[in-house]
C-alpha atoms as a PDB file:
ATOM      1  CA  MET A   1     178.427  64.564  41.382  1.00  0.00           C
ATOM      2  CA  SER A   2     176.960  65.362  44.800  1.00  0.00           C
ATOM      3  CA  ILE A   3     180.375  65.592  46.499  1.00  0.00           C
ATOM      4  CA  ILE A   4     181.642  67.978  43.819  1.00  0.00           C
ATOM      5  CA  ALA A   5     178.461  70.047  44.112  1.00  0.00           C
ATOM      6  CA  THR A   6     178.831  70.117  47.903  1.00  0.00           C
ATOM      7  CA  LEU A   7     182.404  71.356  47.546  1.00  0.00           C
ATOM      8  CA  ILE A   8     181.392  74.111  45.113  1.00  0.00           C
ATOM      9  CA  ILE A   9     178.376  75.170  47.169  1.00  0.00           C
ATOM     10  CA  GLY A  10     180.517  75.012  50.320  1.00  0.00           C
ATOM     11  CA  LEU A  11     183.050  77.420  48.821  1.00  0.00           C
ATOM     12  CA  VAL A  12     180.318  79.930  48.023  1.00  0.00           C
ATOM     13  CA  ALA A  13     178.608  79.389  51.398  1.00  0.00           C
ATOM     14  CA  GLY A  14     181.919  79.964  53.201  1.00  0.00           C
ATOM     15  CA  TRP A  15     182.433  83.237  51.400  1.00  0.00           C
ATOM     16  CA  ILE A  16     178.869  84.376  52.191  1.00  0.00           C
ATOM     17  CA  THR A  17     179.149  83.238  55.819  1.00  0.00           C
ATOM     18  CA  GLY A  18     182.417  85.141  56.162  1.00  0.00           C
ATOM     19  CA  MET A  19     180.628  88.300  55.081  1.00  0.00           C
ATOM     20  CA  LEU A  20     177.606  87.622  57.310  1.00  0.00           C
ATOM     21  CA  MET A  21     179.518  86.793  60.476  1.00  0.00           C
ATOM     22  CA  LYS A  22     182.304  89.350  59.966  1.00  0.00           C
ATOM     23  CA  GLY A  23     185.140  87.002  60.835  1.00  0.00           C
ATOM     24  CA  HIS A  24     188.719  88.179  60.851  1.00  0.00           C
ATOM     25  CA  TYR A  25     189.852  85.164  58.895  1.00  0.00           C
ATOM     26  CA  SER A  26     191.286  84.911  55.440  1.00  0.00           C
ATOM     27  CA  ILE A  27     189.011  84.001  52.563  1.00  0.00           C
ATOM     28  CA  ILE A  28     190.695  80.589  52.422  1.00  0.00           C
ATOM     29  CA  VAL A  29     189.671  79.815  56.026  1.00  0.00           C
ATOM     30  CA  ASP A  30     186.148  81.056  55.253  1.00  0.00           C
ATOM     31  CA  MET A  31     185.923  78.725  52.273  1.00  0.00           C
ATOM     32  CA  ILE A  32     187.307  75.743  54.185  1.00  0.00           C
ATOM     33  CA  LEU A  33     184.785  76.332  56.974  1.00  0.00           C
ATOM     34  CA  GLY A  34     182.105  76.684  54.292  1.00  0.00           C
ATOM     35  CA  ILE A  35     182.992  73.313  52.763  1.00  0.00           C
ATOM     36  CA  ILE A  36     182.823  71.704  56.195  1.00  0.00           C
ATOM     37  CA  GLY A  37     179.550  73.578  56.746  1.00  0.00           C
ATOM     38  CA  GLY A  38     178.129  72.139  53.542  1.00  0.00           C
ATOM     39  CA  PHE A  39     178.735  68.622  54.769  1.00  0.00           C
ATOM     40  CA  VAL A  40     177.438  69.490  58.261  1.00  0.00           C
ATOM     41  CA  GLY A  41     174.317  71.101  56.789  1.00  0.00           C
ATOM     42  CA  GLY A  42     173.613  68.062  54.625  1.00  0.00           C
ATOM     43  CA  TRP A  43     174.120  65.763  57.585  1.00  0.00           C
ATOM     44  CA  LEU A  44     171.830  67.852  59.816  1.00  0.00           C
ATOM     45  CA  THR A  45     169.039  67.982  57.230  1.00  0.00           C
ATOM     46  CA  SER A  46     169.233  64.218  56.827  1.00  0.00           C
ATOM     47  CA  LEU A  47     168.896  63.850  60.614  1.00  0.00           C
ATOM     48  CA  VAL A  48     166.064  66.365  61.003  1.00  0.00           C
ATOM     49  CA  PHE A  49     164.066  65.830  57.809  1.00  0.00           C
ATOM     50  CA  GLY A  50     165.203  62.359  56.793  1.00  0.00           C
ATOM     51  CA  VAL A  51     166.444  63.721  53.451  1.00  0.00           C
ATOM     52  CA  ASN A  52     169.829  65.177  52.577  1.00  0.00           C
ATOM     53  CA  MET A  53     168.978  68.560  51.055  1.00  0.00           C
ATOM     54  CA  MET A  54     172.420  68.995  49.497  1.00  0.00           C
ATOM     55  CA  THR A  55     171.158  67.782  46.141  1.00  0.00           C
ATOM     56  CA  GLY A  56     173.254  69.765  43.713  1.00  0.00           C
ATOM     57  CA  ILE A  57     173.973  73.328  42.764  1.00  0.00           C
ATOM     58  CA  ASN A  58     170.740  75.119  43.664  1.00  0.00           C
ATOM     59  CA  ILE A  59     169.331  77.643  46.138  1.00  0.00           C
ATOM     60  CA  THR A  60     168.188  74.997  48.653  1.00  0.00           C
ATOM     61  CA  SER A  61     171.673  73.516  48.833  1.00  0.00           C
ATOM     62  CA  LEU A  62     173.175  76.982  49.224  1.00  0.00           C
ATOM     63  CA  ILE A  63     170.853  77.821  52.134  1.00  0.00           C
ATOM     64  CA  VAL A  64     171.577  74.476  53.822  1.00  0.00           C
ATOM     65  CA  ALA A  65     175.319  75.018  53.366  1.00  0.00           C
ATOM     66  CA  ILE A  66     175.144  78.558  54.771  1.00  0.00           C
ATOM     67  CA  VAL A  67     173.271  77.328  57.865  1.00  0.00           C
ATOM     68  CA  GLY A  68     175.843  74.561  58.290  1.00  0.00           C
ATOM     69  CA  ALA A  69     178.705  77.019  57.806  1.00  0.00           C
ATOM     70  CA  VAL A  70     177.253  79.396  60.407  1.00  0.00           C
ATOM     71  CA  ILE A  71     177.154  76.502  62.884  1.00  0.00           C
ATOM     72  CA  VAL A  72     180.730  75.481  62.030  1.00  0.00           C
ATOM     73  CA  VAL A  73     182.007  79.070  62.337  1.00  0.00           C
ATOM     74  CA  ALA A  74     180.245  79.470  65.702  1.00  0.00           C
ATOM     75  CA  VAL A  75     181.856  76.281  67.018  1.00  0.00           C
ATOM     76  CA  TYR A  76     185.226  77.348  65.561  1.00  0.00           C
ATOM     77  CA  ARG A  77     184.990  80.709  67.324  1.00  0.00           C
ATOM     78  CA  LEU A  78     183.966  79.035  70.573  1.00  0.00           C
ATOM     79  CA  ILE A  79     186.972  76.703  70.486  1.00  0.00           C
ATOM     80  CA  ARG A  80     189.343  79.424  69.335  1.00  0.00           C
ATOM     81  CA  GLY A  81     188.012  81.830  71.957  1.00  0.00           C
ATOM     82  CA  ARG A  82     188.620  79.353  74.763  1.00  0.00           C
ATOM     83  CA  SER A  83     192.183  78.744  73.644  1.00  0.00           C
ATOM     84  CA  ARG A  84     192.785  82.488  73.551  1.00  0.00           C
ATOM     85  CA  LEU A  85     191.324  82.786  77.046  1.00  0.00           C
ATOM     86  CA  VAL A  86     193.735  80.141  78.314  1.00  0.00           C
ATOM     87  CA  GLU A  87     196.643  81.899  76.572  1.00  0.00           C
ATOM     88  CA  ALA A  88     195.620  85.222  78.131  1.00  0.00           C
ATOM     89  CA  LYS A  89     195.365  83.653  81.581  1.00  0.00           C
ATOM     90  CA  GLN A  90     198.823  82.119  81.206  1.00  0.00           C
ATOM     91  CA  ALA A  91     200.271  85.439  80.064  1.00  0.00           C
ATOM     92  CA  ILE A  92     198.797  87.198  83.081  1.00  0.00           C
ATOM     93  CA  CYS A  93     200.108  84.492  85.392  1.00  0.00           C
ATOM     94  CA  ASN A  94     203.584  84.740  83.894  1.00  0.00           C
ATOM     95  CA  THR A  95     203.567  88.519  84.109  1.00  0.00           C
ATOM     96  CA  TYR A  96     202.390  88.927  87.686  1.00  0.00           C
ATOM     97  CA  GLN A  97     203.529  85.580  89.182  1.00  0.00           C
ATOM     98  CA  THR A  98     200.209  85.325  91.028  1.00  0.00           C
ATOM     99  CA  CYS A  99     198.934  82.038  89.681  1.00  0.00           C
ATOM    100  CA  ARG A 100     201.053  79.920  92.004  1.00  0.00           C
ATOM    101  CA  LEU A 101     198.924  81.085  94.896  1.00  0.00           C
ATOM    102  CA  ALA A 102     195.580  81.025  93.122  1.00  0.00           C
ATOM    103  CA  TYR A 103     196.155  77.932  90.947  1.00  0.00           C
ATOM    104  CA  PRO A 104     198.641  75.574  92.607  1.00  0.00           C
ATOM    105  CA  ALA A 105     200.086  72.975  90.265  1.00  0.00           C
END
């Protein structure tokens, strides 16, 4: 029952986190990140407090899942932002042909 409850709470937490963090993702991505956040939140509470607070469908589990989802979304944005930075750098290098001098292969 706890895995099913974590999935359900994670879906709701993903939707709420998507509204809180104003991501430009689809609702499906928000919900997937929320499900992952539910598991991350439960894992973090078991590390910090010694008890997994994802105990079912209740307010405590929802808060834990939202905190976990915020962490997951922040990490997702960090990773996605770096890949976009690399893509932008490559586009600039290809456009101006200046990277051969600055960044020799």
